Amino acid sequence: MTELRTAHTADLDAGTLAAARALLDTVFGGDMTDQDWEHALGGVHALVWEGAELIGHASVVQRRVLHGGRALRTGYVEGVVVRADRRGRGHGAAMMAELERLIRGGYELGALSTTEEALAFYAARGWRRWQGLTWALTPLGIARTEEDDDGVFVLPLPAVAIDLTAELVCDWRDGDVW
């Protein structure tokens, strides 16, 4: 039997955080860095447990994204994984449904960066691929992030009009900015 639990990073014990990091390391292999892990912290985690074993993780953290002259309070999704032998059973959809509920209730926009393999998953959930140019607000000023143009998705919300073809600028963080 599986169970979906949500909790803020501050409410997760060291064992749960270690299990989440280990799951991300396993699923992402050598592509999971300490900075990537840090990006997933400080917000709300959706965790899928099968008994005492963690088989799924996703989190949403607050970021600021500039669009149309406004700094939008953005629920940014990080670290979405399901253990390979447990995929195709709705665990990813269950985690995302909970994070999307949080985004709709507390943010002006949802955003994430994804791999080619997950594009259809997010599109089927109503996430829209960003069609405009992407940028990052760096310590040296605003810089283009061309390598991220095709992988940024947003979850538009009714309170803010979004032009998917306009420029989108994310706040700065170490490592992958998107």
Protein backbone atom coordinates (compact mmCIF):
# COMPACT_ATOMS: atom_id res chain seq x y z
CA MET A 1 0.00 0.00 0.00
CA THR A 2 1.28 3.49 -0.84
CA GLU A 3 0.72 6.73 1.01
CA LEU A 4 1.24 10.32 -0.16
CA ARG A 5 2.43 12.68 2.56
CA THR A 6 3.28 16.38 2.36
CA ALA A 7 5.47 18.35 4.70
CA HIS A 8 7.61 21.46 4.75
CA THR A 9 11.37 20.88 4.72
CA ALA A 10 11.52 22.14 8.33
CA ASP A 11 9.17 19.34 9.40
CA LEU A 12 11.13 16.48 7.80
CA ASP A 13 13.53 14.53 9.98
CA ALA A 14 17.09 13.76 8.93
CA GLY A 15 16.20 10.20 7.90
CA THR A 16 13.44 11.35 5.56
CA LEU A 17 15.68 14.00 4.00
CA ALA A 18 18.44 11.40 3.54
CA ALA A 19 15.95 8.99 1.90
CA ALA A 20 14.76 11.74 -0.45
CA ARG A 21 18.30 12.68 -1.42
CA ALA A 22 19.20 9.02 -1.99
CA LEU A 23 16.14 8.54 -4.20
CA LEU A 24 17.01 11.61 -6.28
CA ASP A 25 20.63 10.42 -6.59
CA THR A 26 19.46 7.00 -7.76
CA VAL A 27 16.91 8.26 -10.30
CA PHE A 28 19.01 11.12 -11.68
CA GLY A 29 22.30 9.24 -11.45
CA GLY A 30 25.33 11.46 -11.86
CA ASP A 31 23.18 14.45 -12.83
CA MET A 32 22.07 15.21 -9.25
CA THR A 33 24.34 17.79 -7.62
CA ASP A 34 24.41 19.24 -4.12
CA GLN A 35 23.10 22.48 -5.62
CA ASP A 36 20.20 20.61 -7.27
CA TRP A 37 19.34 19.11 -3.88
CA GLU A 38 19.50 22.51 -2.23
CA HIS A 39 17.07 23.86 -4.84
CA ALA A 40 14.50 21.28 -3.69
CA LEU A 41 14.67 22.43 -0.05
CA GLY A 42 12.86 25.20 1.79
CA GLY A 43 9.36 24.49 0.55
CA VAL A 44 6.75 21.75 0.67
CA HIS A 45 7.64 18.18 -0.27
CA ALA A 46 5.22 15.59 -1.63
CA LEU A 47 6.49 12.14 -0.67
CA VAL A 48 5.15 8.77 -1.77
CA TRP A 49 5.85 5.98 0.69
CA GLU A 50 5.40 2.28 0.11
CA GLY A 51 5.47 1.00 3.65
CA ALA A 52 8.72 2.36 5.11
CA GLU A 53 10.32 2.88 1.70
CA LEU A 54 10.30 6.23 -0.12
CA ILE A 55 9.46 5.68 -3.80
CA GLY A 56 8.53 9.22 -4.94
CA HIS A 57 9.54 12.81 -4.25
CA ALA A 58 8.61 16.26 -5.53
CA SER A 59 8.77 19.70 -3.95
CA VAL A 60 7.59 23.23 -4.56
CA VAL A 61 9.65 26.23 -3.43
CA GLN A 62 8.99 29.94 -3.72
CA ARG A 63 10.89 31.94 -6.30
CA ARG A 64 10.46 35.30 -8.03
CA VAL A 65 10.03 35.32 -11.80
CA LEU A 66 9.92 38.58 -13.76
CA HIS A 67 7.29 38.82 -16.48
CA GLY A 68 5.64 41.84 -18.07
CA GLY A 69 7.25 44.29 -15.67
CA ARG A 70 6.15 42.36 -12.56
CA ALA A 71 7.93 40.13 -10.06
CA LEU A 72 5.58 37.17 -9.74
CA ARG A 73 5.44 35.02 -6.62
CA THR A 74 6.14 31.67 -8.25
CA GLY A 75 5.72 28.13 -6.99
CA TYR A 76 8.71 26.42 -8.59
CA VAL A 77 8.63 22.63 -8.80
CA GLU A 78 11.84 20.72 -8.08
CA GLY A 79 13.08 17.16 -7.72
CA VAL A 80 10.18 15.24 -9.25
CA VAL A 81 11.09 11.54 -9.29
CA VAL A 82 9.49 8.15 -8.96
CA ARG A 83 11.61 5.06 -8.50
CA ALA A 84 11.98 3.33 -11.89
CA ASP A 85 10.25 0.10 -10.85
CA ARG A 86 7.22 2.03 -9.52
CA ARG A 87 6.52 4.27 -12.52
CA GLY A 88 3.28 4.17 -14.48
CA ARG A 89 1.13 3.71 -11.37
CA GLY A 90 0.01 7.33 -10.89
CA HIS A 91 2.50 8.27 -8.18
CA GLY A 92 3.96 11.18 -10.16
CA ALA A 93 0.47 12.44 -10.98
CA ALA A 94 -0.56 12.23 -7.32
CA MET A 95 2.46 14.23 -6.18
CA MET A 96 1.96 16.83 -8.90
CA ALA A 97 -1.77 17.16 -8.10
CA GLU A 98 -0.87 18.07 -4.52
CA LEU A 99 1.83 20.54 -5.55
CA GLU A 100 -0.48 22.11 -8.15
CA ARG A 101 -3.11 22.56 -5.42
CA LEU A 102 -0.53 24.42 -3.34
CA ILE A 103 0.55 26.52 -6.33
CA ARG A 104 -3.02 27.47 -7.19
CA GLY A 105 -3.71 28.45 -3.58
CA GLY A 106 -0.55 30.37 -2.79
CA TYR A 107 1.20 31.67 -5.87
CA GLU A 108 0.69 33.84 -8.94
CA LEU A 109 2.39 31.37 -11.30
CA GLY A 110 3.74 27.83 -11.33
CA ALA A 111 7.02 27.07 -13.11
CA LEU A 112 9.47 24.22 -13.62
CA SER A 113 12.27 23.07 -15.86
CA THR A 114 12.03 19.60 -17.31
CA THR A 115 13.78 17.02 -19.40
CA GLU A 116 12.68 15.93 -22.86
CA GLU A 117 11.36 12.65 -21.41
CA ALA A 118 8.87 14.39 -19.10
CA LEU A 119 7.48 17.00 -21.53
CA ALA A 120 4.32 15.02 -22.33
CA PHE A 121 3.64 14.34 -18.63
CA TYR A 122 3.58 18.04 -17.75
CA ALA A 123 1.75 19.11 -20.91
CA ALA A 124 -1.02 16.59 -20.19
CA ARG A 125 -1.44 18.20 -16.74
CA GLY A 126 -2.02 21.67 -18.20
CA TRP A 127 1.52 23.00 -17.89
CA ARG A 128 2.47 25.12 -20.89
CA ARG A 129 5.88 25.24 -22.56
CA TRP A 130 7.41 28.73 -22.39
CA GLN A 131 7.80 29.97 -25.98
CA GLY A 132 9.65 33.21 -25.32
CA LEU A 133 13.25 33.84 -24.38
CA THR A 134 14.48 32.91 -20.90
CA TRP A 135 16.87 34.94 -18.79
CA ALA A 136 18.31 34.95 -15.27
CA LEU A 137 18.92 37.85 -12.93
CA THR A 138 22.58 37.14 -12.05
CA PRO A 139 24.98 38.98 -9.73
CA LEU A 140 26.40 40.62 -12.90
CA GLY A 141 23.01 41.61 -14.32
CA ILE A 142 20.42 39.95 -16.52
CA ALA A 143 21.90 37.13 -18.63
CA ARG A 144 20.40 34.96 -21.38
CA THR A 145 19.75 31.31 -20.61
CA GLU A 146 19.37 29.95 -24.15
CA GLU A 147 20.03 26.36 -23.06
CA ASP A 148 16.83 26.49 -20.96
CA ASP A 149 14.48 27.97 -23.57
CA ASP A 150 12.87 24.65 -24.54
CA GLY A 151 12.60 23.13 -21.08
CA VAL A 152 10.76 25.79 -19.06
CA PHE A 153 7.08 25.14 -18.39
CA VAL A 154 4.58 27.31 -16.56
CA LEU A 155 1.24 26.70 -14.94
CA PRO A 156 -0.71 29.87 -15.71
CA LEU A 157 -3.18 30.94 -13.04
CA PRO A 158 -6.27 33.10 -13.56
CA ALA A 159 -5.10 36.05 -11.44
CA VAL A 160 -2.21 37.01 -13.75
CA ALA A 161 -2.26 37.35 -17.53
CA ILE A 162 0.71 35.50 -19.00
CA ASP A 163 2.12 35.98 -22.50
CA LEU A 164 3.91 32.70 -23.27
CA THR A 165 5.90 34.39 -26.06
CA ALA A 166 7.32 37.19 -23.92
CA GLU A 167 10.58 37.14 -22.00
CA LEU A 168 10.79 35.36 -18.65
CA VAL A 169 13.49 36.15 -16.09
CA CYS A 170 14.16 33.95 -13.05
CA ASP A 171 15.81 34.99 -9.81
CA TRP A 172 19.43 33.99 -9.17
CA ARG A 173 20.61 30.83 -7.47
CA ASP A 174 23.82 28.82 -7.66
CA GLY A 175 23.91 25.91 -10.10
CA ASP A 176 21.15 25.49 -12.65
CA VAL A 177 19.14 28.71 -12.51
CA TRP A 178 16.04 27.21 -14.12
